[in-house]
Amino acid sequence: MNKFHTAIPPIQALWLVAGAATVLGVAWLLTRTLREIMAPAARPPRPEAGDLLVYGVVQDEHGQWHVIRHGHAPQPVDWTNPPRELLGHGFRAE
């Protein structure tokens, strides 16, 4: 006996919406799972640790700026005339 056709219209509509939501939810879960599985294959390989360029710019307690590069001592930078873009962002012309 088919109970769907004998149910009242709001219950029939609820079954249709629930069925569609279930199908969409399963499709979303499958898509997300496949994307997570395939993501490592799509990423470019990371460079070796010796190939990484690591540097930074720091200011000492006297206001002197230094460039720090991987494997080198800090080198002072003469910024008596800094670029205009940096003025007002913690940099000032001497």
C-alpha atoms as a PDB file:
ATOM      1  CA  MET A   1       0.000   0.000   0.000  1.00  0.00           C
ATOM      2  CA  ASN A   2       1.402   3.404  -0.991  1.00  0.00           C
ATOM      3  CA  LYS A   3       1.086   5.821   1.934  1.00  0.00           C
ATOM      4  CA  PHE A   4       2.613   8.834   0.104  1.00  0.00           C
ATOM      5  CA  HIS A   5      -0.492   9.418  -2.038  1.00  0.00           C
ATOM      6  CA  THR A   6      -2.813   9.068   0.922  1.00  0.00           C
ATOM      7  CA  ALA A   7      -0.951  11.627   3.065  1.00  0.00           C
ATOM      8  CA  ILE A   8      -2.131  15.220   3.285  1.00  0.00           C
ATOM      9  CA  PRO A   9      -0.430  17.706   0.859  1.00  0.00           C
ATOM     10  CA  PRO A  10       1.797  19.408   3.508  1.00  0.00           C
ATOM     11  CA  ILE A  11       3.247  16.005   4.474  1.00  0.00           C
ATOM     12  CA  GLN A  12       3.794  15.152   0.795  1.00  0.00           C
ATOM     13  CA  ALA A  13       5.620  18.463   0.319  1.00  0.00           C
ATOM     14  CA  LEU A  14       7.720  17.768   3.408  1.00  0.00           C
ATOM     15  CA  TRP A  15       8.749  14.366   2.003  1.00  0.00           C
ATOM     16  CA  LEU A  16       9.745  15.956  -1.314  1.00  0.00           C
ATOM     17  CA  VAL A  17      11.812  18.675   0.406  1.00  0.00           C
ATOM     18  CA  ALA A  18      13.433  16.157   2.764  1.00  0.00           C
ATOM     19  CA  GLY A  19      14.344  13.871  -0.131  1.00  0.00           C
ATOM     20  CA  ALA A  20      15.880  16.725  -2.136  1.00  0.00           C
ATOM     21  CA  ALA A  21      17.785  17.990   0.917  1.00  0.00           C
ATOM     22  CA  THR A  22      19.152  14.494   1.535  1.00  0.00           C
ATOM     23  CA  VAL A  23      20.354  14.148  -2.056  1.00  0.00           C
ATOM     24  CA  LEU A  24      21.995  17.597  -1.981  1.00  0.00           C
ATOM     25  CA  GLY A  25      23.612  16.877   1.396  1.00  0.00           C
ATOM     26  CA  VAL A  26      25.109  13.590   0.236  1.00  0.00           C
ATOM     27  CA  ALA A  27      26.390  15.252  -2.970  1.00  0.00           C
ATOM     28  CA  TRP A  28      27.970  18.056  -0.910  1.00  0.00           C
ATOM     29  CA  LEU A  29      29.651  15.550   1.433  1.00  0.00           C
ATOM     30  CA  LEU A  30      31.035  13.544  -1.483  1.00  0.00           C
ATOM     31  CA  THR A  31      32.330  16.675  -3.198  1.00  0.00           C
ATOM     32  CA  ARG A  32      34.004  17.915  -0.033  1.00  0.00           C
ATOM     33  CA  THR A  33      35.533  14.516   0.669  1.00  0.00           C
ATOM     34  CA  LEU A  34      36.940  14.240  -2.846  1.00  0.00           C
ATOM     35  CA  ARG A  35      38.304  17.784  -2.647  1.00  0.00           C
ATOM     36  CA  GLU A  36      40.072  16.997   0.651  1.00  0.00           C
ATOM     37  CA  ILE A  37      41.512  13.787  -0.753  1.00  0.00           C
ATOM     38  CA  MET A  38      42.717  15.415  -3.976  1.00  0.00           C
ATOM     39  CA  ALA A  39      44.028  18.668  -2.406  1.00  0.00           C
ATOM     40  CA  PRO A  40      47.548  17.389  -1.575  1.00  0.00           C
ATOM     41  CA  ALA A  41      48.014  16.236  -5.176  1.00  0.00           C
ATOM     42  CA  ALA A  42      47.008  19.675  -6.498  1.00  0.00           C
ATOM     43  CA  ARG A  43      49.429  21.645  -4.286  1.00  0.00           C
ATOM     44  CA  PRO A  44      52.842  22.507  -5.706  1.00  0.00           C
ATOM     45  CA  PRO A  45      55.730  20.833  -3.899  1.00  0.00           C
ATOM     46  CA  ARG A  46      57.335  22.860  -1.106  1.00  0.00           C
ATOM     47  CA  PRO A  47      60.911  23.953  -1.664  1.00  0.00           C
ATOM     48  CA  GLU A  48      63.626  22.378   0.417  1.00  0.00           C
ATOM     49  CA  ALA A  49      64.525  24.153   3.659  1.00  0.00           C
ATOM     50  CA  GLY A  50      67.868  25.316   2.230  1.00  0.00           C
ATOM     51  CA  ASP A  51      66.090  27.008  -0.689  1.00  0.00           C
ATOM     52  CA  LEU A  52      63.825  29.206   1.438  1.00  0.00           C
ATOM     53  CA  LEU A  53      64.569  32.935   1.533  1.00  0.00           C
ATOM     54  CA  VAL A  54      63.961  34.107   5.086  1.00  0.00           C
ATOM     55  CA  TYR A  55      64.441  37.760   5.952  1.00  0.00           C
ATOM     56  CA  GLY A  56      62.980  40.528   8.049  1.00  0.00           C
ATOM     57  CA  VAL A  57      63.307  44.226   8.754  1.00  0.00           C
ATOM     58  CA  VAL A  58      63.544  45.258  12.404  1.00  0.00           C
ATOM     59  CA  GLN A  59      64.156  48.490  14.268  1.00  0.00           C
ATOM     60  CA  ASP A  60      66.512  48.522  17.255  1.00  0.00           C
ATOM     61  CA  GLU A  61      66.123  50.570  20.436  1.00  0.00           C
ATOM     62  CA  HIS A  62      68.033  53.487  18.853  1.00  0.00           C
ATOM     63  CA  GLY A  63      65.674  53.720  15.887  1.00  0.00           C
ATOM     64  CA  GLN A  64      68.125  52.156  13.405  1.00  0.00           C
ATOM     65  CA  TRP A  65      66.609  49.770  10.873  1.00  0.00           C
ATOM     66  CA  HIS A  66      68.298  46.429  10.141  1.00  0.00           C
ATOM     67  CA  VAL A  67      67.720  43.789   7.485  1.00  0.00           C
ATOM     68  CA  ILE A  68      68.028  40.251   8.788  1.00  0.00           C
ATOM     69  CA  ARG A  69      68.703  37.533   6.201  1.00  0.00           C
ATOM     70  CA  HIS A  70      69.021  33.821   6.774  1.00  0.00           C
ATOM     71  CA  GLY A  71      72.616  32.953   7.559  1.00  0.00           C
ATOM     72  CA  HIS A  72      73.837  36.581   7.731  1.00  0.00           C
ATOM     73  CA  ALA A  73      74.391  39.114  10.492  1.00  0.00           C
ATOM     74  CA  PRO A  74      71.878  41.987  10.717  1.00  0.00           C
ATOM     75  CA  GLN A  75      72.831  44.735   8.265  1.00  0.00           C
ATOM     76  CA  PRO A  76      71.909  48.356   9.038  1.00  0.00           C
ATOM     77  CA  VAL A  77      69.825  50.180   6.454  1.00  0.00           C
ATOM     78  CA  ASP A  78      70.297  53.885   5.756  1.00  0.00           C
ATOM     79  CA  TRP A  79      66.748  55.155   5.458  1.00  0.00           C
ATOM     80  CA  THR A  80      67.356  58.850   5.895  1.00  0.00           C
ATOM     81  CA  ASN A  81      65.134  59.300   2.847  1.00  0.00           C
ATOM     82  CA  PRO A  82      62.440  56.571   3.098  1.00  0.00           C
ATOM     83  CA  PRO A  83      59.954  55.992   0.274  1.00  0.00           C
ATOM     84  CA  ARG A  84      56.908  58.270   0.336  1.00  0.00           C
ATOM     85  CA  GLU A  85      54.597  55.258   0.733  1.00  0.00           C
ATOM     86  CA  LEU A  86      56.155  54.485   4.130  1.00  0.00           C
ATOM     87  CA  LEU A  87      55.881  57.990   5.606  1.00  0.00           C
ATOM     88  CA  GLY A  88      53.128  58.135   8.208  1.00  0.00           C
ATOM     89  CA  HIS A  89      53.263  54.360   8.811  1.00  0.00           C
ATOM     90  CA  GLY A  90      55.851  54.420  11.566  1.00  0.00           C
ATOM     91  CA  PHE A  91      58.584  55.792   9.288  1.00  0.00           C
ATOM     92  CA  ARG A  92      59.763  59.364   9.315  1.00  0.00           C
ATOM     93  CA  ALA A  93      62.282  61.308   7.285  1.00  0.00           C
ATOM     94  CA  GLU A  94      65.360  62.264   9.287  1.00  0.00           C
END
